[in-house]
Amino acid sequence: MNWLTEFVRPRVRTLLGRKEAPDNLWHQCPQCQQMIFHRELEAARKVCPHCGHHMRATAQERLTWTFDDASFTRIDLPKVPADPLKFQDKKRYSDRLSDSRKKTGMDDAVLVAHGSVGGHKAVVMAMDFRFMGGSMGAAMGEALVSAARLAVLQRAALIVYTASGGARMQEGAISLMQMPRTTIAVQMVREAGLPYIVILTDPTAGGVTASFAMLGDIQIAEPNALIGFAGARVIEETIREKLPEGFQRAEYLLEHGMIDMVTPRGDLTATLGRLLGLLHVPAAEPLAA
């Protein structure tokens, strides 16, 4: 028995207090596999400093990065029936909702807030892919309608961050009905003479792409974001042709005129502020002292 290791070291640890190192200090880039210190990754807004890969961000992070001084006011969104179809596949829909709510701390896959962006009034809706793949159900439709109404009321721009796999199958036709509803919400903003700006992030697909995601007055995408309706494999099997390299990626869409610009995340806030100034969005009122 070694008395130094068996007695002295445990005794010293007990007296000084043993501190366990957190297991989330380092993150591995899924693109280049390099390890990144968590503070460096936070400072870079989840963009890999080695290869420039844009990692997925939460809705809360999107709001924090977008608004001036990370200051904004979230709005309460209308409640919708939790499980209108009593849907069940391998798992009950109500259980899936409960699990996602515990995991994300969100009621559904979207947050809406208002505040100042580049000194201009803005309402921002941000989607969160962690919540059932950012799928679009009745809650998301209500969120966009609420955001549009608030933008019109405040004479503010409407900015939407998309991150979704498409319509929520567990809500059936109810989820598909959100496509025309969100289209009408966008039209409300347009008729009020206010800008609607969409930032397409990885991934944006399905019914979201087929509705409000591609209706922006200005379409911006993050680098290498996957943007499309059907999956590449499904398209290849349908047309029986090999798709071009980079098909459905942001840069390919920019080259073919589907979007207006591809903007790195670090430049996005300044770009939004500049665009709102060019579009003559009213200045935000100064906060009371």
C-alpha atoms as a PDB file:
ATOM      1  CA  MET A   1       0.000   0.000   0.000  1.00  0.00           C
ATOM      2  CA  ASN A   2       1.428   3.373  -1.030  1.00  0.00           C
ATOM      3  CA  TRP A   3       0.530   5.791   1.798  1.00  0.00           C
ATOM      4  CA  LEU A   4       1.161   8.850  -0.424  1.00  0.00           C
ATOM      5  CA  THR A   5      -1.453   7.873  -3.002  1.00  0.00           C
ATOM      6  CA  GLU A   6      -3.848   5.990  -0.736  1.00  0.00           C
ATOM      7  CA  PHE A   7      -3.917   8.363   2.236  1.00  0.00           C
ATOM      8  CA  VAL A   8      -2.084  11.673   1.752  1.00  0.00           C
ATOM      9  CA  ARG A   9      -3.523  12.647  -1.685  1.00  0.00           C
ATOM     10  CA  PRO A  10      -7.180  11.913  -0.784  1.00  0.00           C
ATOM     11  CA  ARG A  11      -6.690  13.799   2.486  1.00  0.00           C
ATOM     12  CA  VAL A  12      -5.255  16.856   0.683  1.00  0.00           C
ATOM     13  CA  ARG A  13      -8.101  16.805  -1.836  1.00  0.00           C
ATOM     14  CA  THR A  14     -10.629  16.708   0.973  1.00  0.00           C
ATOM     15  CA  LEU A  15      -9.011  19.670   2.755  1.00  0.00           C
ATOM     16  CA  LEU A  16      -8.599  21.819  -0.368  1.00  0.00           C
ATOM     17  CA  GLY A  17     -11.807  20.795  -2.060  1.00  0.00           C
ATOM     18  CA  ARG A  18     -11.693  18.848  -5.304  1.00  0.00           C
ATOM     19  CA  LYS A  19     -12.921  20.761  -8.361  1.00  0.00           C
ATOM     20  CA  GLU A  20     -14.145  18.847 -11.362  1.00  0.00           C
ATOM     21  CA  ALA A  21     -13.384  20.388 -14.753  1.00  0.00           C
ATOM     22  CA  PRO A  22     -16.543  21.083 -16.800  1.00  0.00           C
ATOM     23  CA  ASP A  23     -16.957  18.799 -19.793  1.00  0.00           C
ATOM     24  CA  ASN A  24     -18.121  21.579 -22.154  1.00  0.00           C
ATOM     25  CA  LEU A  25     -14.979  23.731 -22.258  1.00  0.00           C
ATOM     26  CA  TRP A  26     -14.056  22.534 -25.741  1.00  0.00           C
ATOM     27  CA  HIS A  27     -16.168  22.011 -28.848  1.00  0.00           C
ATOM     28  CA  GLN A  28     -15.280  20.118 -32.007  1.00  0.00           C
ATOM     29  CA  CYS A  29     -16.052  21.696 -35.346  1.00  0.00           C
ATOM     30  CA  PRO A  30     -18.221  19.243 -37.326  1.00  0.00           C
ATOM     31  CA  GLN A  31     -16.604  20.431 -40.567  1.00  0.00           C
ATOM     32  CA  CYS A  32     -12.830  20.443 -39.934  1.00  0.00           C
ATOM     33  CA  GLN A  33     -12.815  18.450 -36.661  1.00  0.00           C
ATOM     34  CA  GLN A  34     -10.647  21.065 -34.921  1.00  0.00           C
ATOM     35  CA  MET A  35     -11.143  21.660 -31.204  1.00  0.00           C
ATOM     36  CA  ILE A  36     -12.288  25.162 -30.205  1.00  0.00           C
ATOM     37  CA  PHE A  37     -12.258  26.670 -26.712  1.00  0.00           C
ATOM     38  CA  HIS A  38     -15.803  27.571 -25.673  1.00  0.00           C
ATOM     39  CA  ARG A  39     -15.073  31.256 -25.043  1.00  0.00           C
ATOM     40  CA  GLU A  40     -13.425  31.603 -28.444  1.00  0.00           C
ATOM     41  CA  LEU A  41     -16.458  29.968 -30.064  1.00  0.00           C
ATOM     42  CA  GLU A  42     -18.879  32.271 -28.214  1.00  0.00           C
ATOM     43  CA  ALA A  43     -16.893  35.340 -29.245  1.00  0.00           C
ATOM     44  CA  ALA A  44     -17.021  34.156 -32.875  1.00  0.00           C
ATOM     45  CA  ARG A  45     -20.796  33.612 -32.685  1.00  0.00           C
ATOM     46  CA  LYS A  46     -20.419  29.879 -33.255  1.00  0.00           C
ATOM     47  CA  VAL A  47     -18.322  30.276 -36.389  1.00  0.00           C
ATOM     48  CA  CYS A  48     -15.263  28.013 -36.533  1.00  0.00           C
ATOM     49  CA  PRO A  49     -12.090  30.168 -36.464  1.00  0.00           C
ATOM     50  CA  HIS A  50     -10.212  27.475 -38.407  1.00  0.00           C
ATOM     51  CA  CYS A  51     -12.459  26.783 -41.398  1.00  0.00           C
ATOM     52  CA  GLY A  52     -15.259  29.364 -41.134  1.00  0.00           C
ATOM     53  CA  HIS A  53     -17.994  26.752 -40.706  1.00  0.00           C
ATOM     54  CA  HIS A  54     -21.216  28.295 -39.370  1.00  0.00           C
ATOM     55  CA  MET A  55     -22.593  26.062 -36.644  1.00  0.00           C
ATOM     56  CA  ARG A  56     -26.284  26.024 -35.840  1.00  0.00           C
ATOM     57  CA  ALA A  57     -27.456  28.626 -33.337  1.00  0.00           C
ATOM     58  CA  THR A  58     -30.429  28.807 -31.003  1.00  0.00           C
ATOM     59  CA  ALA A  59     -33.275  31.276 -31.389  1.00  0.00           C
ATOM     60  CA  GLN A  60     -32.202  33.051 -28.207  1.00  0.00           C
ATOM     61  CA  GLU A  61     -28.677  33.482 -29.565  1.00  0.00           C
ATOM     62  CA  ARG A  62     -30.045  34.913 -32.818  1.00  0.00           C
ATOM     63  CA  LEU A  63     -32.003  37.552 -30.924  1.00  0.00           C
ATOM     64  CA  THR A  64     -29.038  38.420 -28.703  1.00  0.00           C
ATOM     65  CA  TRP A  65     -26.701  38.832 -31.672  1.00  0.00           C
ATOM     66  CA  THR A  66     -29.171  40.863 -33.734  1.00  0.00           C
ATOM     67  CA  PHE A  67     -30.530  43.579 -31.450  1.00  0.00           C
ATOM     68  CA  ASP A  68     -28.473  46.609 -30.449  1.00  0.00           C
ATOM     69  CA  ASP A  69     -26.619  46.007 -27.164  1.00  0.00           C
ATOM     70  CA  ALA A  70     -28.340  42.588 -26.990  1.00  0.00           C
ATOM     71  CA  SER A  71     -31.364  44.448 -25.614  1.00  0.00           C
ATOM     72  CA  PHE A  72     -34.845  43.394 -26.707  1.00  0.00           C
ATOM     73  CA  THR A  73     -38.342  42.623 -25.458  1.00  0.00           C
ATOM     74  CA  ARG A  74     -39.828  39.221 -26.150  1.00  0.00           C
ATOM     75  CA  ILE A  75     -43.547  38.975 -26.750  1.00  0.00           C
ATOM     76  CA  ASP A  76     -45.905  36.304 -25.504  1.00  0.00           C
ATOM     77  CA  LEU A  77     -47.254  34.242 -28.375  1.00  0.00           C
ATOM     78  CA  PRO A  78     -50.823  32.921 -28.689  1.00  0.00           C
ATOM     79  CA  LYS A  79     -51.473  29.462 -27.302  1.00  0.00           C
ATOM     80  CA  VAL A  80     -52.607  26.760 -29.715  1.00  0.00           C
ATOM     81  CA  PRO A  81     -54.133  23.295 -29.135  1.00  0.00           C
ATOM     82  CA  ALA A  82     -51.323  21.030 -27.977  1.00  0.00           C
ATOM     83  CA  ASP A  83     -52.265  17.887 -29.921  1.00  0.00           C
ATOM     84  CA  PRO A  84     -55.263  18.626 -32.167  1.00  0.00           C
ATOM     85  CA  LEU A  85     -55.149  15.292 -34.018  1.00  0.00           C
ATOM     86  CA  LYS A  86     -54.124  13.076 -31.059  1.00  0.00           C
ATOM     87  CA  PHE A  87     -51.286  11.943 -33.313  1.00  0.00           C
ATOM     88  CA  GLN A  88     -49.097   8.974 -32.488  1.00  0.00           C
ATOM     89  CA  ASP A  89     -46.412   7.138 -34.448  1.00  0.00           C
ATOM     90  CA  LYS A  90     -43.576   5.534 -32.509  1.00  0.00           C
ATOM     91  CA  LYS A  91     -44.279   8.127 -29.845  1.00  0.00           C
ATOM     92  CA  ARG A  92     -47.224  10.328 -28.929  1.00  0.00           C
ATOM     93  CA  TYR A  93     -47.035  13.875 -30.286  1.00  0.00           C
ATOM     94  CA  SER A  94     -47.797  15.266 -26.839  1.00  0.00           C
ATOM     95  CA  ASP A  95     -44.762  13.416 -25.475  1.00  0.00           C
ATOM     96  CA  ARG A  96     -42.550  14.764 -28.265  1.00  0.00           C
ATOM     97  CA  LEU A  97     -43.681  18.289 -27.426  1.00  0.00           C
ATOM     98  CA  SER A  98     -43.001  17.726 -23.733  1.00  0.00           C
ATOM     99  CA  ASP A  99     -39.501  16.376 -24.446  1.00  0.00           C
ATOM    100  CA  SER A 100     -38.643  19.309 -26.747  1.00  0.00           C
ATOM    101  CA  ARG A 101     -39.893  21.823 -24.201  1.00  0.00           C
ATOM    102  CA  LYS A 102     -37.733  20.306 -21.496  1.00  0.00           C
ATOM    103  CA  LYS A 103     -34.720  20.205 -23.809  1.00  0.00           C
ATOM    104  CA  THR A 104     -34.970  23.771 -25.114  1.00  0.00           C
ATOM    105  CA  GLY A 105     -36.910  25.678 -22.465  1.00  0.00           C
ATOM    106  CA  MET A 106     -39.178  26.956 -25.268  1.00  0.00           C
ATOM    107  CA  ASP A 107     -42.925  26.516 -25.803  1.00  0.00           C
ATOM    108  CA  ASP A 108     -42.383  25.826 -29.509  1.00  0.00           C
ATOM    109  CA  ALA A 109     -39.784  26.230 -32.252  1.00  0.00           C
ATOM    110  CA  VAL A 110     -39.883  30.031 -32.491  1.00  0.00           C
ATOM    111  CA  LEU A 111     -39.273  33.231 -30.505  1.00  0.00           C
ATOM    112  CA  VAL A 112     -40.433  36.760 -31.373  1.00  0.00           C
ATOM    113  CA  ALA A 113     -39.000  39.992 -29.975  1.00  0.00           C
ATOM    114  CA  HIS A 114     -38.869  43.690 -30.799  1.00  0.00           C
ATOM    115  CA  GLY A 115     -36.268  46.373 -30.266  1.00  0.00           C
ATOM    116  CA  SER A 116     -33.612  48.292 -32.173  1.00  0.00           C
ATOM    117  CA  VAL A 117     -31.369  47.003 -34.974  1.00  0.00           C
ATOM    118  CA  GLY A 118     -28.766  49.491 -36.134  1.00  0.00           C
ATOM    119  CA  GLY A 119     -30.824  52.205 -34.478  1.00  0.00           C
ATOM    120  CA  HIS A 120     -33.978  51.289 -36.414  1.00  0.00           C
ATOM    121  CA  LYS A 121     -37.224  49.740 -35.228  1.00  0.00           C
ATOM    122  CA  ALA A 122     -37.408  46.010 -35.868  1.00  0.00           C
ATOM    123  CA  VAL A 123     -39.459  42.967 -34.976  1.00  0.00           C
ATOM    124  CA  VAL A 124     -37.444  39.745 -35.188  1.00  0.00           C
ATOM    125  CA  MET A 125     -38.727  36.184 -35.351  1.00  0.00           C
ATOM    126  CA  ALA A 126     -36.124  33.449 -34.871  1.00  0.00           C
ATOM    127  CA  MET A 127     -36.657  29.738 -35.401  1.00  0.00           C
ATOM    128  CA  ASP A 128     -34.869  27.042 -33.408  1.00  0.00           C
ATOM    129  CA  PHE A 129     -33.948  23.763 -35.108  1.00  0.00           C
ATOM    130  CA  ARG A 130     -33.516  21.988 -31.752  1.00  0.00           C
ATOM    131  CA  PHE A 131     -37.294  21.992 -31.251  1.00  0.00           C
ATOM    132  CA  MET A 132     -38.534  19.112 -33.422  1.00  0.00           C
ATOM    133  CA  GLY A 133     -36.319  20.207 -36.301  1.00  0.00           C
ATOM    134  CA  GLY A 134     -37.806  23.712 -36.329  1.00  0.00           C
ATOM    135  CA  SER A 135     -40.936  22.226 -37.897  1.00  0.00           C
ATOM    136  CA  MET A 136     -43.836  24.507 -38.752  1.00  0.00           C
ATOM    137  CA  GLY A 137     -47.119  23.920 -36.972  1.00  0.00           C
ATOM    138  CA  ALA A 138     -49.978  26.107 -35.789  1.00  0.00           C
ATOM    139  CA  ALA A 139     -47.757  27.743 -33.150  1.00  0.00           C
ATOM    140  CA  MET A 140     -45.322  28.992 -35.782  1.00  0.00           C
ATOM    141  CA  GLY A 141     -48.137  30.323 -37.932  1.00  0.00           C
ATOM    142  CA  GLU A 142     -49.500  32.255 -34.952  1.00  0.00           C
ATOM    143  CA  ALA A 143     -46.003  33.526 -34.180  1.00  0.00           C
ATOM    144  CA  LEU A 144     -45.461  34.994 -37.644  1.00  0.00           C
ATOM    145  CA  VAL A 145     -48.946  36.531 -37.730  1.00  0.00           C
ATOM    146  CA  SER A 146     -48.263  38.107 -34.316  1.00  0.00           C
ATOM    147  CA  ALA A 147     -44.852  39.364 -35.454  1.00  0.00           C
ATOM    148  CA  ALA A 148     -46.358  40.876 -38.623  1.00  0.00           C
ATOM    149  CA  ARG A 149     -49.125  42.628 -36.696  1.00  0.00           C
ATOM    150  CA  LEU A 150     -46.612  44.043 -34.220  1.00  0.00           C
ATOM    151  CA  ALA A 151     -44.365  45.283 -37.040  1.00  0.00           C
ATOM    152  CA  VAL A 152     -47.315  47.091 -38.638  1.00  0.00           C
ATOM    153  CA  LEU A 153     -48.395  48.543 -35.283  1.00  0.00           C
ATOM    154  CA  GLN A 154     -44.888  49.830 -34.496  1.00  0.00           C
ATOM    155  CA  ARG A 155     -44.040  50.856 -38.071  1.00  0.00           C
ATOM    156  CA  ALA A 156     -41.045  48.538 -37.827  1.00  0.00           C
ATOM    157  CA  ALA A 157     -39.210  46.199 -40.162  1.00  0.00           C
ATOM    158  CA  LEU A 158     -39.935  42.478 -39.889  1.00  0.00           C
ATOM    159  CA  ILE A 159     -36.850  40.244 -39.830  1.00  0.00           C
ATOM    160  CA  VAL A 160     -37.134  36.447 -39.817  1.00  0.00           C
ATOM    161  CA  TYR A 161     -34.419  33.853 -39.198  1.00  0.00           C
ATOM    162  CA  THR A 162     -35.400  30.514 -40.709  1.00  0.00           C
ATOM    163  CA  ALA A 163     -34.159  27.120 -39.526  1.00  0.00           C
ATOM    164  CA  SER A 164     -36.529  24.287 -40.317  1.00  0.00           C
ATOM    165  CA  GLY A 165     -36.993  20.879 -41.845  1.00  0.00           C
ATOM    166  CA  GLY A 166     -40.464  21.855 -43.053  1.00  0.00           C
ATOM    167  CA  ALA A 167     -44.089  21.379 -41.997  1.00  0.00           C
ATOM    168  CA  ARG A 168     -44.863  19.442 -38.810  1.00  0.00           C
ATOM    169  CA  MET A 169     -46.325  16.117 -39.891  1.00  0.00           C
ATOM    170  CA  GLN A 170     -47.927  15.490 -36.481  1.00  0.00           C
ATOM    171  CA  GLU A 171     -50.377  18.322 -37.187  1.00  0.00           C
ATOM    172  CA  GLY A 172     -51.322  17.128 -40.676  1.00  0.00           C
ATOM    173  CA  ALA A 173     -53.347  19.594 -42.748  1.00  0.00           C
ATOM    174  CA  ILE A 174     -53.215  22.124 -39.897  1.00  0.00           C
ATOM    175  CA  SER A 175     -49.480  22.524 -40.480  1.00  0.00           C
ATOM    176  CA  LEU A 176     -50.006  22.909 -44.246  1.00  0.00           C
ATOM    177  CA  MET A 177     -52.577  25.638 -43.636  1.00  0.00           C
ATOM    178  CA  GLN A 178     -49.798  27.728 -42.074  1.00  0.00           C
ATOM    179  CA  MET A 179     -48.304  28.219 -45.539  1.00  0.00           C
ATOM    180  CA  PRO A 180     -51.100  30.498 -46.790  1.00  0.00           C
ATOM    181  CA  ARG A 181     -51.499  32.051 -43.327  1.00  0.00           C
ATOM    182  CA  THR A 182     -47.857  33.102 -43.168  1.00  0.00           C
ATOM    183  CA  THR A 183     -48.009  34.340 -46.765  1.00  0.00           C
ATOM    184  CA  ILE A 184     -50.925  36.600 -45.823  1.00  0.00           C
ATOM    185  CA  ALA A 185     -48.980  37.818 -42.766  1.00  0.00           C
ATOM    186  CA  VAL A 186     -46.084  38.829 -45.010  1.00  0.00           C
ATOM    187  CA  GLN A 187     -48.501  40.627 -47.307  1.00  0.00           C
ATOM    188  CA  MET A 188     -49.790  42.645 -44.325  1.00  0.00           C
ATOM    189  CA  VAL A 189     -46.300  43.985 -43.777  1.00  0.00           C
ATOM    190  CA  ARG A 190     -45.859  44.759 -47.466  1.00  0.00           C
ATOM    191  CA  GLU A 191     -49.158  46.628 -47.714  1.00  0.00           C
ATOM    192  CA  ALA A 192     -48.054  48.779 -44.782  1.00  0.00           C
ATOM    193  CA  GLY A 193     -44.989  49.796 -46.790  1.00  0.00           C
ATOM    194  CA  LEU A 194     -42.571  48.094 -44.379  1.00  0.00           C
ATOM    195  CA  PRO A 195     -39.605  45.870 -45.295  1.00  0.00           C
ATOM    196  CA  TYR A 196     -39.593  42.127 -44.755  1.00  0.00           C
ATOM    197  CA  ILE A 197     -36.094  40.639 -44.554  1.00  0.00           C
ATOM    198  CA  VAL A 198     -35.376  36.908 -44.372  1.00  0.00           C
ATOM    199  CA  ILE A 199     -32.112  35.366 -43.158  1.00  0.00           C
ATOM    200  CA  LEU A 200     -31.905  31.760 -44.345  1.00  0.00           C
ATOM    201  CA  THR A 201     -29.823  29.568 -42.057  1.00  0.00           C
ATOM    202  CA  ASP A 202     -28.849  25.914 -42.144  1.00  0.00           C
ATOM    203  CA  PRO A 203     -31.127  24.135 -42.827  1.00  0.00           C
ATOM    204  CA  THR A 204     -34.222  25.727 -44.380  1.00  0.00           C
ATOM    205  CA  ALA A 205     -36.416  23.224 -46.175  1.00  0.00           C
ATOM    206  CA  GLY A 206     -39.886  21.932 -46.975  1.00  0.00           C
ATOM    207  CA  GLY A 207     -43.040  23.960 -46.394  1.00  0.00           C
ATOM    208  CA  VAL A 208     -41.120  26.805 -44.756  1.00  0.00           C
ATOM    209  CA  THR A 209     -39.082  27.293 -47.927  1.00  0.00           C
ATOM    210  CA  ALA A 210     -42.269  27.006 -49.994  1.00  0.00           C
ATOM    211  CA  SER A 211     -43.947  29.826 -48.069  1.00  0.00           C
ATOM    212  CA  PHE A 212     -42.648  32.746 -46.019  1.00  0.00           C
ATOM    213  CA  ALA A 213     -38.936  31.870 -46.204  1.00  0.00           C
ATOM    214  CA  MET A 214     -38.650  32.830 -49.881  1.00  0.00           C
ATOM    215  CA  LEU A 215     -40.909  35.895 -49.837  1.00  0.00           C
ATOM    216  CA  GLY A 216     -38.450  38.407 -48.405  1.00  0.00           C
ATOM    217  CA  ASP A 217     -37.978  41.819 -49.976  1.00  0.00           C
ATOM    218  CA  ILE A 218     -34.328  41.018 -49.298  1.00  0.00           C
ATOM    219  CA  GLN A 219     -33.121  37.421 -49.045  1.00  0.00           C
ATOM    220  CA  ILE A 220     -29.905  36.871 -47.072  1.00  0.00           C
ATOM    221  CA  ALA A 221     -28.266  33.515 -46.362  1.00  0.00           C
ATOM    222  CA  GLU A 222     -25.466  32.386 -44.103  1.00  0.00           C
ATOM    223  CA  PRO A 223     -22.484  30.763 -45.837  1.00  0.00           C
ATOM    224  CA  ASN A 224     -23.011  27.168 -46.989  1.00  0.00           C
ATOM    225  CA  ALA A 225     -26.549  27.034 -45.574  1.00  0.00           C
ATOM    226  CA  LEU A 226     -28.679  24.201 -46.943  1.00  0.00           C
ATOM    227  CA  ILE A 227     -31.762  25.740 -48.582  1.00  0.00           C
ATOM    228  CA  GLY A 228     -34.337  23.801 -50.574  1.00  0.00           C
ATOM    229  CA  PHE A 229     -37.739  22.168 -50.712  1.00  0.00           C
ATOM    230  CA  ALA A 230     -37.260  18.437 -51.284  1.00  0.00           C
ATOM    231  CA  GLY A 231     -34.078  16.575 -50.416  1.00  0.00           C
ATOM    232  CA  ALA A 232     -31.349  16.160 -53.018  1.00  0.00           C
ATOM    233  CA  ARG A 233     -31.757  12.367 -53.121  1.00  0.00           C
ATOM    234  CA  VAL A 234     -35.491  12.675 -53.785  1.00  0.00           C
ATOM    235  CA  ILE A 235     -34.854  15.154 -56.597  1.00  0.00           C
ATOM    236  CA  GLU A 236     -32.209  12.940 -58.186  1.00  0.00           C
ATOM    237  CA  GLU A 237     -34.508   9.923 -58.095  1.00  0.00           C
ATOM    238  CA  THR A 238     -37.326  11.974 -59.614  1.00  0.00           C
ATOM    239  CA  ILE A 239     -35.430  13.592 -62.486  1.00  0.00           C
ATOM    240  CA  ARG A 240     -32.952  10.694 -62.827  1.00  0.00           C
ATOM    241  CA  GLU A 241     -30.009  13.029 -63.109  1.00  0.00           C
ATOM    242  CA  LYS A 242     -26.996  13.824 -60.964  1.00  0.00           C
ATOM    243  CA  LEU A 243     -27.337  17.213 -59.308  1.00  0.00           C
ATOM    244  CA  PRO A 244     -24.575  19.848 -59.666  1.00  0.00           C
ATOM    245  CA  GLU A 245     -21.918  20.255 -56.994  1.00  0.00           C
ATOM    246  CA  GLY A 246     -23.129  22.457 -54.155  1.00  0.00           C
ATOM    247  CA  PHE A 247     -26.762  22.218 -55.241  1.00  0.00           C
ATOM    248  CA  GLN A 248     -29.133  23.715 -52.601  1.00  0.00           C
ATOM    249  CA  ARG A 249     -26.281  25.507 -50.848  1.00  0.00           C
ATOM    250  CA  ALA A 250     -26.406  29.268 -50.268  1.00  0.00           C
ATOM    251  CA  GLU A 251     -23.641  30.088 -52.739  1.00  0.00           C
ATOM    252  CA  TYR A 252     -25.298  28.087 -55.521  1.00  0.00           C
ATOM    253  CA  LEU A 253     -28.593  29.879 -54.922  1.00  0.00           C
ATOM    254  CA  LEU A 254     -26.860  33.264 -54.999  1.00  0.00           C
ATOM    255  CA  GLU A 255     -25.166  32.413 -58.291  1.00  0.00           C
ATOM    256  CA  HIS A 256     -28.534  31.459 -59.794  1.00  0.00           C
ATOM    257  CA  GLY A 257     -30.436  34.506 -58.554  1.00  0.00           C
ATOM    258  CA  MET A 258     -32.531  32.822 -55.865  1.00  0.00           C
ATOM    259  CA  ILE A 259     -31.191  34.990 -53.021  1.00  0.00           C
ATOM    260  CA  ASP A 260     -29.675  38.468 -52.799  1.00  0.00           C
ATOM    261  CA  MET A 261     -26.563  37.970 -50.706  1.00  0.00           C
ATOM    262  CA  VAL A 262     -24.547  35.524 -48.633  1.00  0.00           C
ATOM    263  CA  THR A 263     -23.348  37.216 -45.469  1.00  0.00           C
ATOM    264  CA  PRO A 264     -21.033  35.799 -42.777  1.00  0.00           C
ATOM    265  CA  ARG A 265     -22.593  35.794 -39.339  1.00  0.00           C
ATOM    266  CA  GLY A 266     -20.080  38.255 -37.960  1.00  0.00           C
ATOM    267  CA  ASP A 267     -21.138  40.861 -40.548  1.00  0.00           C
ATOM    268  CA  LEU A 268     -24.855  40.192 -40.385  1.00  0.00           C
ATOM    269  CA  THR A 269     -25.885  42.680 -37.701  1.00  0.00           C
ATOM    270  CA  ALA A 270     -24.086  45.573 -39.389  1.00  0.00           C
ATOM    271  CA  THR A 271     -25.561  44.534 -42.752  1.00  0.00           C
ATOM    272  CA  LEU A 272     -29.092  44.539 -41.329  1.00  0.00           C
ATOM    273  CA  GLY A 273     -28.592  47.980 -39.797  1.00  0.00           C
ATOM    274  CA  ARG A 274     -27.299  49.356 -43.096  1.00  0.00           C
ATOM    275  CA  LEU A 275     -30.222  47.860 -45.038  1.00  0.00           C
ATOM    276  CA  LEU A 276     -32.793  49.254 -42.625  1.00  0.00           C
ATOM    277  CA  GLY A 277     -31.211  52.688 -43.036  1.00  0.00           C
ATOM    278  CA  LEU A 278     -31.345  52.445 -46.820  1.00  0.00           C
ATOM    279  CA  LEU A 279     -34.983  51.350 -46.619  1.00  0.00           C
ATOM    280  CA  HIS A 280     -35.806  54.327 -44.390  1.00  0.00           C
ATOM    281  CA  VAL A 281     -37.135  52.302 -41.472  1.00  0.00           C
ATOM    282  CA  PRO A 282     -38.088  54.695 -38.615  1.00  0.00           C
ATOM    283  CA  ALA A 283     -35.486  55.177 -35.923  1.00  0.00           C
ATOM    284  CA  ALA A 284     -36.079  53.449 -32.623  1.00  0.00           C
ATOM    285  CA  GLU A 285     -37.063  55.650 -29.724  1.00  0.00           C
ATOM    286  CA  PRO A 286     -34.319  56.080 -27.094  1.00  0.00           C
ATOM    287  CA  LEU A 287     -34.745  54.047 -23.928  1.00  0.00           C
ATOM    288  CA  ALA A 288     -35.971  55.954 -20.893  1.00  0.00           C
ATOM    289  CA  ALA A 289     -33.262  56.736 -18.357  1.00  0.00           C
END
